[in-house]
Amino acid sequence: MKRSVVSGVLVGVALSLGACSTPQFQTLKIFDSPNRVVALQAMSDAYGGKGYDHPISLTTEEMTRLLKGIRVKRGVMGGTYHPALSDTEIQVFVPHLVNALQKSTKEELVTFFETAHLDDVFDLTTSGGLFVAGGNFYVVLSNFSVKTRAWQDAEQHEASYRGRPLEQINPQPGRLVFEPQEYMVESPDGEIGSRFQGKPWQVAIRYKEFLGTVK
């Protein structure tokens, strides 16, 4: 069975389970290491039912430029914006994210997951996703250096967050922006999450204008 057919079947199953639960399924692992994962995930109502602009071809240089512009700020008032991903994280993730977007379908977004060892008991977990829809490039950050017990993400643990990168472990106030900010979309219509379950930090970018090319 071809992967596109498998994706369609999974999306159909997701829809049959009902919109309230908004089930999501990882359909293909693009990169899988002990502390990092890049995968495709089928969404039951991709971009409000209109579907994503996938597959998309970006070069590693273009993806690097986009990710380097993502900034994050914790809290509601004040504070300073910091890079959402370090130069090392970007270097590791970029080729796999580019590959994932090239393989994604209109019903699949790209997810990423990372744990960093803090001490003998705790890890720091960062996870989220990205997609292109309505001509904009979206970055979703569900967790940003969230402190978790190491056993919480063990493969054998039934509630592993490794397979649920869009789920917020410990929702916190904060915001994502893109710099230069003139390329940000003020009112994006493709946000992930709901007012009931909460929304992760996310930002939409007019990426074609920023990159200066027409895809």
N, C-alpha and C. Protein backbone atom coordinates (compact mmCIF):
# COMPACT_ATOMS: atom_id res chain seq x y z
N MET A 1 0.84 -1.19 0.00
CA MET A 1 0.00 0.00 0.00
C MET A 1 0.88 1.25 0.00
N LYS A 2 0.62 2.19 -0.91
CA LYS A 2 1.41 3.39 -1.00
C LYS A 2 1.18 4.28 0.22
N ARG A 3 2.20 5.10 0.55
CA ARG A 3 2.11 5.93 1.73
C ARG A 3 0.98 6.93 1.64
N SER A 4 0.70 7.47 0.43
CA SER A 4 -0.38 8.44 0.28
C SER A 4 -1.72 7.80 0.61
N VAL A 5 -1.86 6.52 0.27
CA VAL A 5 -3.10 5.81 0.58
C VAL A 5 -3.21 5.59 2.08
N VAL A 6 -2.07 5.21 2.69
CA VAL A 6 -2.06 5.01 4.14
C VAL A 6 -2.44 6.29 4.86
N SER A 7 -1.88 7.42 4.40
CA SER A 7 -2.20 8.71 5.01
C SER A 7 -3.69 9.00 4.90
N GLY A 8 -4.27 8.70 3.72
CA GLY A 8 -5.68 8.95 3.52
C GLY A 8 -6.54 8.11 4.44
N VAL A 9 -6.12 6.85 4.63
CA VAL A 9 -6.86 5.97 5.54
C VAL A 9 -6.82 6.50 6.95
N LEU A 10 -5.63 6.94 7.40
CA LEU A 10 -5.49 7.46 8.76
C LEU A 10 -6.32 8.71 8.96
N VAL A 11 -6.32 9.58 7.96
CA VAL A 11 -7.12 10.80 8.06
C VAL A 11 -8.60 10.45 8.14
N GLY A 12 -9.03 9.45 7.36
CA GLY A 12 -10.41 9.02 7.39
C GLY A 12 -10.80 8.50 8.75
N VAL A 13 -9.89 7.71 9.37
CA VAL A 13 -10.15 7.20 10.71
C VAL A 13 -10.26 8.35 11.69
N ALA A 14 -9.37 9.33 11.57
CA ALA A 14 -9.40 10.48 12.47
C ALA A 14 -10.72 11.21 12.37
N LEU A 15 -11.19 11.42 11.15
CA LEU A 15 -12.45 12.14 10.96
C LEU A 15 -13.61 11.36 11.54
N SER A 16 -13.57 10.04 11.42
CA SER A 16 -14.68 9.22 11.89
C SER A 16 -14.78 9.23 13.41
N LEU A 17 -13.68 9.56 14.10
CA LEU A 17 -13.69 9.58 15.55
C LEU A 17 -14.29 10.85 16.12
N GLY A 18 -14.49 11.85 15.23
CA GLY A 18 -15.16 13.06 15.70
C GLY A 18 -14.22 14.22 15.89
N ALA A 19 -14.74 15.41 15.60
CA ALA A 19 -13.91 16.61 15.63
C ALA A 19 -13.55 17.02 17.05
N CYS A 20 -14.35 16.63 18.03
CA CYS A 20 -14.09 17.09 19.40
C CYS A 20 -12.77 16.56 19.93
N SER A 21 -12.44 15.30 19.61
CA SER A 21 -11.22 14.71 20.13
C SER A 21 -10.00 15.11 19.31
N THR A 22 -10.21 15.58 18.07
CA THR A 22 -9.14 16.01 17.18
C THR A 22 -7.96 15.05 17.21
N PRO A 23 -8.16 13.77 16.85
CA PRO A 23 -7.07 12.82 16.88
C PRO A 23 -6.00 13.13 15.84
N GLN A 24 -4.77 12.76 16.15
CA GLN A 24 -3.65 12.99 15.26
C GLN A 24 -2.83 11.72 15.20
N PHE A 25 -2.26 11.43 14.03
CA PHE A 25 -1.51 10.20 13.84
C PHE A 25 -0.18 10.49 13.17
N GLN A 26 0.89 9.97 13.74
CA GLN A 26 2.16 10.03 13.06
C GLN A 26 2.14 9.01 11.93
N THR A 27 2.42 9.47 10.72
CA THR A 27 2.32 8.59 9.56
C THR A 27 3.66 8.14 9.01
N LEU A 28 4.72 8.90 9.30
CA LEU A 28 6.04 8.53 8.80
C LEU A 28 7.12 9.20 9.63
N LYS A 29 8.07 8.42 10.13
CA LYS A 29 9.23 8.97 10.82
C LYS A 29 10.27 9.35 9.77
N ILE A 30 10.66 10.60 9.75
CA ILE A 30 11.68 11.07 8.82
C ILE A 30 13.06 10.92 9.44
N PHE A 31 13.16 11.19 10.73
CA PHE A 31 14.42 11.10 11.47
C PHE A 31 14.10 10.67 12.88
N ASP A 32 14.83 9.68 13.40
CA ASP A 32 14.54 9.14 14.72
C ASP A 32 15.85 8.78 15.41
N SER A 33 16.19 9.56 16.43
CA SER A 33 17.39 9.31 17.22
C SER A 33 16.99 9.24 18.68
N PRO A 34 17.89 8.86 19.58
CA PRO A 34 17.50 8.76 20.99
C PRO A 34 16.88 10.01 21.59
N ASN A 35 17.31 11.19 21.12
CA ASN A 35 16.78 12.41 21.74
C ASN A 35 16.10 13.37 20.76
N ARG A 36 15.98 12.99 19.48
CA ARG A 36 15.31 13.85 18.50
C ARG A 36 14.47 13.02 17.54
N VAL A 37 13.33 13.60 17.14
CA VAL A 37 12.45 12.96 16.16
C VAL A 37 11.89 14.02 15.23
N VAL A 38 11.88 13.73 13.94
CA VAL A 38 11.15 14.52 12.95
C VAL A 38 10.20 13.56 12.25
N ALA A 39 8.92 13.91 12.20
CA ALA A 39 7.93 12.99 11.63
C ALA A 39 6.84 13.76 10.91
N LEU A 40 6.06 13.02 10.14
CA LEU A 40 4.85 13.58 9.53
C LEU A 40 3.67 13.15 10.37
N GLN A 41 2.70 14.02 10.52
CA GLN A 41 1.54 13.74 11.35
C GLN A 41 0.27 14.13 10.61
N ALA A 42 -0.63 13.18 10.46
CA ALA A 42 -1.90 13.44 9.80
C ALA A 42 -2.83 14.20 10.74
N MET A 43 -3.46 15.25 10.21
CA MET A 43 -4.36 16.07 11.01
C MET A 43 -5.78 15.89 10.49
N SER A 44 -6.72 15.74 11.41
CA SER A 44 -8.09 15.43 11.01
C SER A 44 -8.78 16.58 10.29
N ASP A 45 -8.34 17.81 10.52
CA ASP A 45 -8.97 18.96 9.89
C ASP A 45 -7.90 19.94 9.43
N ALA A 46 -7.03 19.44 8.55
CA ALA A 46 -5.87 20.22 8.12
C ALA A 46 -6.29 21.57 7.55
N TYR A 47 -5.82 22.63 8.19
CA TYR A 47 -6.07 24.01 7.77
C TYR A 47 -7.56 24.25 7.52
N GLY A 48 -8.34 23.89 8.53
CA GLY A 48 -9.78 24.12 8.45
C GLY A 48 -10.47 23.33 7.34
N GLY A 49 -9.88 22.19 6.98
CA GLY A 49 -10.46 21.35 5.94
C GLY A 49 -9.99 21.68 4.54
N LYS A 50 -9.23 22.77 4.39
CA LYS A 50 -8.74 23.16 3.07
C LYS A 50 -7.46 22.45 2.69
N GLY A 51 -6.76 21.90 3.66
CA GLY A 51 -5.51 21.21 3.41
C GLY A 51 -4.32 22.14 3.35
N TYR A 52 -3.16 21.59 3.60
CA TYR A 52 -1.92 22.36 3.57
C TYR A 52 -1.41 22.48 2.13
N ASP A 53 -0.46 23.39 1.93
CA ASP A 53 0.14 23.59 0.61
C ASP A 53 1.30 22.61 0.39
N HIS A 54 1.08 21.37 0.75
CA HIS A 54 2.15 20.37 0.70
C HIS A 54 1.94 19.43 -0.49
N PRO A 55 3.04 18.86 -1.01
CA PRO A 55 4.43 19.02 -0.58
C PRO A 55 5.01 20.37 -0.99
N ILE A 56 6.04 20.78 -0.28
CA ILE A 56 6.73 22.05 -0.52
C ILE A 56 8.24 21.78 -0.60
N SER A 57 8.89 22.44 -1.54
CA SER A 57 10.34 22.31 -1.67
C SER A 57 11.02 23.60 -1.22
N LEU A 58 11.79 23.50 -0.16
CA LEU A 58 12.63 24.59 0.31
C LEU A 58 14.07 24.08 0.35
N THR A 59 15.02 24.94 0.11
CA THR A 59 16.41 24.55 0.24
C THR A 59 16.80 24.59 1.72
N THR A 60 17.92 23.95 2.05
CA THR A 60 18.38 23.99 3.43
C THR A 60 18.74 25.42 3.85
N GLU A 61 19.24 26.20 2.90
CA GLU A 61 19.57 27.59 3.20
C GLU A 61 18.30 28.39 3.52
N GLU A 62 17.24 28.16 2.75
CA GLU A 62 15.98 28.88 3.00
C GLU A 62 15.38 28.48 4.33
N MET A 63 15.37 27.18 4.63
CA MET A 63 14.83 26.72 5.91
C MET A 63 15.64 27.29 7.07
N THR A 64 16.95 27.33 6.91
CA THR A 64 17.81 27.89 7.96
C THR A 64 17.47 29.35 8.21
N ARG A 65 17.30 30.12 7.15
CA ARG A 65 16.96 31.53 7.30
C ARG A 65 15.63 31.71 8.03
N LEU A 66 14.66 30.89 7.71
CA LEU A 66 13.35 30.98 8.36
C LEU A 66 13.45 30.65 9.85
N LEU A 67 14.12 29.56 10.17
CA LEU A 67 14.20 29.14 11.57
C LEU A 67 15.03 30.10 12.41
N LYS A 68 16.05 30.70 11.82
CA LYS A 68 16.87 31.65 12.56
C LYS A 68 16.08 32.90 12.94
N GLY A 69 14.99 33.17 12.23
CA GLY A 69 14.18 34.35 12.53
C GLY A 69 13.14 34.13 13.60
N ILE A 70 12.95 32.88 14.05
CA ILE A 70 11.94 32.59 15.06
C ILE A 70 12.45 32.94 16.44
N ARG A 71 11.69 33.78 17.15
CA ARG A 71 12.05 34.20 18.51
C ARG A 71 10.91 33.84 19.47
N VAL A 72 11.29 33.58 20.72
CA VAL A 72 10.31 33.17 21.72
C VAL A 72 10.47 34.02 22.97
N LYS A 73 9.32 34.30 23.61
CA LYS A 73 9.32 35.04 24.88
C LYS A 73 8.38 34.34 25.85
N ARG A 74 8.87 34.07 27.03
CA ARG A 74 8.03 33.47 28.07
C ARG A 74 7.25 34.56 28.80
N GLY A 75 6.09 34.19 29.34
CA GLY A 75 5.32 35.11 30.16
C GLY A 75 4.40 36.00 29.35
N VAL A 76 3.65 36.84 30.06
CA VAL A 76 2.65 37.70 29.44
C VAL A 76 3.17 39.13 29.29
N MET A 77 3.82 39.64 30.31
CA MET A 77 4.28 41.02 30.31
C MET A 77 5.80 41.09 30.25
N GLY A 78 6.30 42.07 29.54
CA GLY A 78 7.74 42.31 29.52
C GLY A 78 8.53 41.14 28.98
N GLY A 79 9.76 41.04 29.45
CA GLY A 79 10.58 39.92 29.03
C GLY A 79 11.34 40.21 27.75
N THR A 80 12.25 39.32 27.42
CA THR A 80 13.10 39.47 26.25
C THR A 80 12.88 38.30 25.30
N TYR A 81 12.95 38.57 24.02
CA TYR A 81 12.84 37.51 23.03
C TYR A 81 14.19 36.82 22.84
N HIS A 82 14.14 35.49 22.74
CA HIS A 82 15.33 34.70 22.54
C HIS A 82 15.12 33.77 21.34
N PRO A 83 16.19 33.31 20.70
CA PRO A 83 16.03 32.35 19.60
C PRO A 83 15.27 31.11 20.07
N ALA A 84 14.32 30.67 19.29
CA ALA A 84 13.55 29.48 19.65
C ALA A 84 14.40 28.23 19.54
N LEU A 85 15.32 28.22 18.57
CA LEU A 85 16.23 27.08 18.38
C LEU A 85 17.65 27.60 18.30
N SER A 86 18.56 26.86 18.90
CA SER A 86 19.97 27.24 18.85
C SER A 86 20.54 26.95 17.47
N ASP A 87 21.72 27.48 17.19
CA ASP A 87 22.37 27.22 15.91
C ASP A 87 22.62 25.72 15.71
N THR A 88 22.99 25.03 16.79
CA THR A 88 23.22 23.58 16.71
C THR A 88 21.94 22.84 16.40
N GLU A 89 20.85 23.22 17.08
CA GLU A 89 19.55 22.56 16.83
C GLU A 89 19.10 22.79 15.40
N ILE A 90 19.27 24.01 14.91
CA ILE A 90 18.88 24.31 13.53
C ILE A 90 19.70 23.47 12.55
N GLN A 91 20.99 23.38 12.78
CA GLN A 91 21.87 22.61 11.90
C GLN A 91 21.44 21.15 11.83
N VAL A 92 21.05 20.59 12.97
CA VAL A 92 20.64 19.19 13.02
C VAL A 92 19.27 18.99 12.38
N PHE A 93 18.32 19.87 12.70
CA PHE A 93 16.95 19.68 12.27
C PHE A 93 16.70 20.02 10.80
N VAL A 94 17.37 21.04 10.27
CA VAL A 94 17.04 21.59 8.96
C VAL A 94 16.96 20.55 7.83
N PRO A 95 17.97 19.71 7.59
CA PRO A 95 17.85 18.77 6.47
C PRO A 95 16.67 17.81 6.59
N HIS A 96 16.33 17.44 7.83
CA HIS A 96 15.20 16.53 8.04
C HIS A 96 13.86 17.24 7.87
N LEU A 97 13.79 18.50 8.28
CA LEU A 97 12.56 19.28 8.08
C LEU A 97 12.32 19.54 6.59
N VAL A 98 13.38 19.84 5.85
CA VAL A 98 13.27 20.04 4.41
C VAL A 98 12.79 18.75 3.74
N ASN A 99 13.37 17.64 4.13
CA ASN A 99 12.97 16.34 3.58
C ASN A 99 11.52 16.04 3.92
N ALA A 100 11.12 16.35 5.15
CA ALA A 100 9.75 16.07 5.58
C ALA A 100 8.73 16.87 4.77
N LEU A 101 9.00 18.16 4.55
CA LEU A 101 8.06 18.98 3.78
C LEU A 101 7.93 18.48 2.34
N GLN A 102 9.00 17.95 1.80
CA GLN A 102 8.97 17.42 0.44
C GLN A 102 8.13 16.14 0.35
N LYS A 103 8.05 15.40 1.46
CA LYS A 103 7.31 14.14 1.48
C LYS A 103 5.89 14.28 2.03
N SER A 104 5.57 15.42 2.59
CA SER A 104 4.27 15.60 3.24
C SER A 104 3.14 15.72 2.22
N THR A 105 1.94 15.37 2.66
CA THR A 105 0.75 15.51 1.83
C THR A 105 -0.08 16.69 2.33
N LYS A 106 -1.19 16.95 1.67
CA LYS A 106 -2.05 18.07 2.05
C LYS A 106 -2.67 17.86 3.43
N GLU A 107 -2.67 16.63 3.94
CA GLU A 107 -3.27 16.35 5.25
C GLU A 107 -2.22 16.19 6.35
N GLU A 108 -0.94 16.32 6.03
CA GLU A 108 0.11 16.07 7.01
C GLU A 108 0.94 17.32 7.30
N LEU A 109 1.19 17.56 8.58
CA LEU A 109 2.16 18.60 8.94
C LEU A 109 3.43 17.92 9.43
N VAL A 110 4.48 18.70 9.58
CA VAL A 110 5.78 18.19 10.02
C VAL A 110 5.92 18.46 11.52
N THR A 111 6.32 17.47 12.28
CA THR A 111 6.52 17.65 13.71
C THR A 111 7.98 17.41 14.08
N PHE A 112 8.39 18.02 15.18
CA PHE A 112 9.74 17.80 15.70
C PHE A 112 9.68 17.66 17.21
N PHE A 113 10.63 16.91 17.74
CA PHE A 113 10.66 16.62 19.18
C PHE A 113 12.12 16.51 19.60
N GLU A 114 12.44 17.05 20.78
CA GLU A 114 13.81 16.99 21.27
C GLU A 114 13.83 16.95 22.79
N THR A 115 14.68 16.12 23.36
CA THR A 115 14.91 16.14 24.79
C THR A 115 16.39 16.41 25.04
N ALA A 116 16.67 17.19 26.06
CA ALA A 116 18.04 17.48 26.47
C ALA A 116 18.19 17.04 27.92
N HIS A 117 19.24 16.30 28.20
CA HIS A 117 19.47 15.77 29.55
C HIS A 117 19.82 16.91 30.50
N LEU A 118 19.05 17.04 31.57
CA LEU A 118 19.31 18.08 32.56
C LEU A 118 20.12 17.54 33.74
N ASP A 119 19.64 16.44 34.32
CA ASP A 119 20.36 15.77 35.40
C ASP A 119 19.89 14.32 35.46
N ASP A 120 20.15 13.64 36.56
CA ASP A 120 19.80 12.23 36.66
C ASP A 120 18.29 11.99 36.69
N VAL A 121 17.54 13.03 36.99
CA VAL A 121 16.09 12.87 37.15
C VAL A 121 15.30 13.56 36.05
N PHE A 122 15.79 14.72 35.59
CA PHE A 122 14.98 15.54 34.70
C PHE A 122 15.60 15.72 33.31
N ASP A 123 14.72 15.89 32.33
CA ASP A 123 15.06 16.29 30.97
C ASP A 123 14.40 17.63 30.67
N LEU A 124 14.85 18.27 29.59
CA LEU A 124 14.17 19.45 29.06
C LEU A 124 13.61 19.08 27.70
N THR A 125 12.32 19.25 27.51
CA THR A 125 11.65 18.84 26.28
C THR A 125 11.20 20.04 25.46
N THR A 126 11.54 20.02 24.18
CA THR A 126 11.08 21.02 23.23
C THR A 126 10.43 20.29 22.07
N SER A 127 9.24 20.74 21.66
CA SER A 127 8.56 20.06 20.56
C SER A 127 7.57 20.99 19.88
N GLY A 128 7.17 20.63 18.68
CA GLY A 128 6.21 21.44 17.93
C GLY A 128 6.08 20.93 16.51
N GLY A 129 5.77 21.85 15.61
CA GLY A 129 5.58 21.45 14.22
C GLY A 129 5.66 22.64 13.29
N LEU A 130 5.58 22.36 12.02
CA LEU A 130 5.54 23.42 11.02
C LEU A 130 4.78 22.94 9.79
N PHE A 131 4.21 23.90 9.09
CA PHE A 131 3.46 23.59 7.87
C PHE A 131 3.35 24.85 7.04
N VAL A 132 2.97 24.67 5.79
CA VAL A 132 2.75 25.79 4.88
C VAL A 132 1.30 25.73 4.43
N ALA A 133 0.58 26.83 4.59
CA ALA A 133 -0.83 26.87 4.22
C ALA A 133 -1.24 28.29 3.91
N GLY A 134 -2.12 28.45 2.93
CA GLY A 134 -2.59 29.78 2.57
C GLY A 134 -1.47 30.70 2.14
N GLY A 135 -0.37 30.11 1.66
CA GLY A 135 0.76 30.90 1.22
C GLY A 135 1.68 31.36 2.34
N ASN A 136 1.42 30.90 3.58
CA ASN A 136 2.24 31.30 4.72
C ASN A 136 2.96 30.10 5.33
N PHE A 137 4.09 30.37 5.95
CA PHE A 137 4.88 29.37 6.64
C PHE A 137 4.58 29.47 8.13
N TYR A 138 4.07 28.39 8.71
CA TYR A 138 3.68 28.38 10.13
C TYR A 138 4.68 27.59 10.96
N VAL A 139 5.03 28.12 12.12
CA VAL A 139 5.83 27.40 13.09
C VAL A 139 5.02 27.31 14.39
N VAL A 140 4.93 26.10 14.93
CA VAL A 140 4.18 25.84 16.16
C VAL A 140 5.15 25.33 17.21
N LEU A 141 5.15 25.94 18.39
CA LEU A 141 6.00 25.50 19.48
C LEU A 141 5.10 25.10 20.64
N SER A 142 4.91 23.80 20.81
CA SER A 142 4.03 23.30 21.87
C SER A 142 4.73 23.30 23.22
N ASN A 143 6.03 22.99 23.20
CA ASN A 143 6.81 22.93 24.44
C ASN A 143 8.18 23.55 24.19
N PHE A 144 8.62 24.37 25.12
CA PHE A 144 9.91 25.04 24.99
C PHE A 144 10.72 24.83 26.26
N SER A 145 11.68 23.91 26.20
CA SER A 145 12.54 23.59 27.35
C SER A 145 11.71 23.33 28.59
N VAL A 146 10.67 22.50 28.44
CA VAL A 146 9.80 22.15 29.56
C VAL A 146 10.49 21.06 30.40
N LYS A 147 10.54 21.27 31.68
CA LYS A 147 11.19 20.32 32.59
C LYS A 147 10.28 19.11 32.80
N THR A 148 10.78 17.94 32.45
CA THR A 148 10.00 16.71 32.59
C THR A 148 10.87 15.63 33.23
N ARG A 149 10.23 14.74 33.95
CA ARG A 149 10.97 13.60 34.49
C ARG A 149 11.41 12.70 33.34
N ALA A 150 12.63 12.20 33.41
CA ALA A 150 13.19 11.41 32.31
C ALA A 150 12.32 10.22 31.97
N TRP A 151 11.71 9.60 32.95
CA TRP A 151 10.89 8.42 32.67
C TRP A 151 9.62 8.74 31.91
N GLN A 152 9.19 10.01 31.93
CA GLN A 152 7.95 10.38 31.25
C GLN A 152 8.03 10.18 29.75
N ASP A 153 9.26 10.21 29.21
CA ASP A 153 9.39 10.08 27.77
C ASP A 153 10.12 8.79 27.37
N ALA A 154 10.20 7.84 28.27
CA ALA A 154 10.78 6.55 27.92
C ALA A 154 9.88 5.87 26.90
N GLU A 155 10.48 5.16 25.94
CA GLU A 155 9.70 4.53 24.88
C GLU A 155 8.65 3.58 25.44
N GLN A 156 8.98 2.90 26.54
CA GLN A 156 8.05 1.91 27.07
C GLN A 156 6.91 2.54 27.87
N HIS A 157 7.01 3.83 28.16
CA HIS A 157 5.96 4.48 28.95
C HIS A 157 4.76 4.76 28.09
N GLU A 158 3.57 4.41 28.56
CA GLU A 158 2.37 4.47 27.75
C GLU A 158 1.98 5.91 27.39
N ALA A 159 2.46 6.89 28.13
CA ALA A 159 2.09 8.28 27.86
C ALA A 159 3.25 9.06 27.27
N SER A 160 4.09 8.40 26.49
CA SER A 160 5.27 9.05 25.94
C SER A 160 4.91 10.28 25.12
N TYR A 161 5.53 11.42 25.43
CA TYR A 161 5.31 12.63 24.65
C TYR A 161 6.09 12.60 23.34
N ARG A 162 6.98 11.67 23.20
CA ARG A 162 7.78 11.52 21.99
C ARG A 162 6.89 11.33 20.76
N GLY A 163 5.78 10.63 20.94
CA GLY A 163 4.84 10.41 19.85
C GLY A 163 3.72 11.41 19.78
N ARG A 164 3.75 12.43 20.67
CA ARG A 164 2.70 13.44 20.70
C ARG A 164 3.32 14.83 20.80
N PRO A 165 4.11 15.22 19.79
CA PRO A 165 4.88 16.47 19.87
C PRO A 165 4.04 17.74 19.89
N LEU A 166 2.78 17.67 19.46
CA LEU A 166 1.94 18.86 19.46
C LEU A 166 1.20 19.06 20.77
N GLU A 167 1.28 18.08 21.66
CA GLU A 167 0.58 18.17 22.94
C GLU A 167 1.40 18.99 23.93
N GLN A 168 0.73 19.91 24.62
CA GLN A 168 1.41 20.74 25.61
C GLN A 168 1.56 19.97 26.92
N ILE A 169 2.79 19.84 27.39
CA ILE A 169 3.06 19.11 28.62
C ILE A 169 2.68 19.96 29.82
N ASN A 170 3.11 21.20 29.81
CA ASN A 170 2.82 22.13 30.90
C ASN A 170 2.56 23.50 30.30
N PRO A 171 1.33 23.76 29.85
CA PRO A 171 1.02 25.03 29.16
C PRO A 171 1.46 26.24 29.96
N GLN A 172 2.15 27.14 29.27
CA GLN A 172 2.64 28.36 29.90
C GLN A 172 2.38 29.55 28.97
N PRO A 173 2.19 30.74 29.54
CA PRO A 173 2.02 31.92 28.68
C PRO A 173 3.33 32.27 27.98
N GLY A 174 3.22 32.71 26.77
CA GLY A 174 4.39 33.09 26.00
C GLY A 174 4.00 33.42 24.58
N ARG A 175 4.99 33.74 23.77
CA ARG A 175 4.68 34.16 22.41
C ARG A 175 5.85 33.87 21.47
N LEU A 176 5.51 33.57 20.22
CA LEU A 176 6.50 33.45 19.16
C LEU A 176 6.38 34.66 18.25
N VAL A 177 7.51 35.14 17.77
CA VAL A 177 7.52 36.18 16.75
C VAL A 177 8.55 35.80 15.70
N PHE A 178 8.47 36.48 14.57
CA PHE A 178 9.47 36.30 13.52
C PHE A 178 10.15 37.63 13.27
N GLU A 179 11.45 37.61 13.17
CA GLU A 179 12.18 38.82 12.86
C GLU A 179 12.89 38.66 11.51
N PRO A 180 12.69 39.63 10.60
CA PRO A 180 12.03 40.94 10.74
C PRO A 180 10.51 40.81 10.86
N GLN A 181 9.92 41.54 11.79
CA GLN A 181 8.51 41.38 12.11
C GLN A 181 7.57 41.84 11.00
N GLU A 182 8.06 42.60 10.02
CA GLU A 182 7.16 43.02 8.93
C GLU A 182 6.70 41.86 8.07
N TYR A 183 7.32 40.69 8.23
CA TYR A 183 6.91 39.52 7.46
C TYR A 183 5.96 38.61 8.24
N MET A 184 5.63 38.99 9.46
CA MET A 184 4.67 38.22 10.24
C MET A 184 3.25 38.47 9.75
N VAL A 185 2.41 37.44 9.85
CA VAL A 185 0.99 37.57 9.52
C VAL A 185 0.27 37.94 10.80
N GLU A 186 -0.43 39.07 10.80
CA GLU A 186 -1.04 39.58 12.03
C GLU A 186 -2.15 38.69 12.57
N SER A 187 -3.00 38.19 11.69
CA SER A 187 -4.13 37.36 12.14
C SER A 187 -4.16 36.06 11.35
N PRO A 188 -3.26 35.13 11.64
CA PRO A 188 -3.22 33.86 10.89
C PRO A 188 -4.48 33.05 11.14
N ASP A 189 -4.94 32.33 10.11
CA ASP A 189 -6.17 31.55 10.23
C ASP A 189 -5.91 30.05 10.24
N GLY A 190 -4.67 29.64 10.49
CA GLY A 190 -4.36 28.22 10.48
C GLY A 190 -3.84 27.71 11.80
N GLU A 191 -4.24 28.34 12.91
CA GLU A 191 -3.68 27.99 14.20
C GLU A 191 -4.09 26.58 14.65
N ILE A 192 -3.14 25.94 15.35
CA ILE A 192 -3.37 24.63 15.93
C ILE A 192 -3.89 24.82 17.35
N GLY A 193 -4.80 23.93 17.79
CA GLY A 193 -5.31 24.00 19.15
C GLY A 193 -6.71 24.60 19.19
N SER A 194 -7.24 24.74 20.40
CA SER A 194 -8.58 25.27 20.57
C SER A 194 -8.66 26.05 21.88
N ARG A 195 -9.74 26.80 22.03
CA ARG A 195 -9.91 27.58 23.27
C ARG A 195 -10.19 26.67 24.47
N PHE A 196 -10.57 25.41 24.19
CA PHE A 196 -10.84 24.47 25.28
C PHE A 196 -9.55 23.78 25.74
N GLN A 197 -8.73 23.36 24.79
CA GLN A 197 -7.51 22.63 25.13
C GLN A 197 -6.29 23.54 25.21
N GLY A 198 -6.43 24.78 24.80
CA GLY A 198 -5.30 25.70 24.80
C GLY A 198 -4.54 25.64 23.49
N LYS A 199 -3.85 26.70 23.19
CA LYS A 199 -3.10 26.77 21.94
C LYS A 199 -1.61 26.91 22.24
N PRO A 200 -0.79 26.17 21.51
CA PRO A 200 0.65 26.35 21.66
C PRO A 200 1.08 27.69 21.07
N TRP A 201 2.31 28.09 21.32
CA TRP A 201 2.83 29.31 20.72
C TRP A 201 3.02 29.08 19.23
N GLN A 202 2.62 30.02 18.42
CA GLN A 202 2.72 29.84 16.98
C GLN A 202 2.82 31.18 16.25
N VAL A 203 3.42 31.13 15.08
CA VAL A 203 3.59 32.32 14.28
C VAL A 203 3.49 31.94 12.81
N ALA A 204 2.94 32.85 12.01
CA ALA A 204 2.82 32.66 10.57
C ALA A 204 3.67 33.71 9.86
N ILE A 205 4.33 33.29 8.79
CA ILE A 205 5.29 34.16 8.09
C ILE A 205 4.98 34.20 6.60
N ARG A 206 5.05 35.38 6.03
CA ARG A 206 4.94 35.52 4.58
C ARG A 206 6.30 35.14 3.99
N TYR A 207 6.51 33.85 3.89
CA TYR A 207 7.85 33.34 3.62
C TYR A 207 8.34 33.65 2.23
N LYS A 208 7.45 33.70 1.24
CA LYS A 208 7.89 33.99 -0.12
C LYS A 208 8.47 35.39 -0.22
N GLU A 209 7.82 36.33 0.44
CA GLU A 209 8.33 37.70 0.45
C GLU A 209 9.67 37.77 1.16
N PHE A 210 9.77 37.07 2.30
CA PHE A 210 11.00 37.10 3.07
C PHE A 210 12.16 36.47 2.30
N LEU A 211 11.90 35.34 1.67
CA LEU A 211 12.97 34.66 0.94
C LEU A 211 13.28 35.32 -0.39
N GLY A 212 12.33 36.14 -0.85
CA GLY A 212 12.55 36.87 -2.09
C GLY A 212 12.44 36.02 -3.34
N THR A 213 11.75 34.88 -3.22
CA THR A 213 11.58 33.99 -4.37
C THR A 213 10.11 33.61 -4.49
N VAL A 214 9.74 33.14 -5.65
CA VAL A 214 8.37 32.66 -5.90
C VAL A 214 8.44 31.17 -6.08
N LYS A 215 7.72 30.44 -5.19
CA LYS A 215 7.72 28.98 -5.27
C LYS A 215 6.66 28.48 -6.23
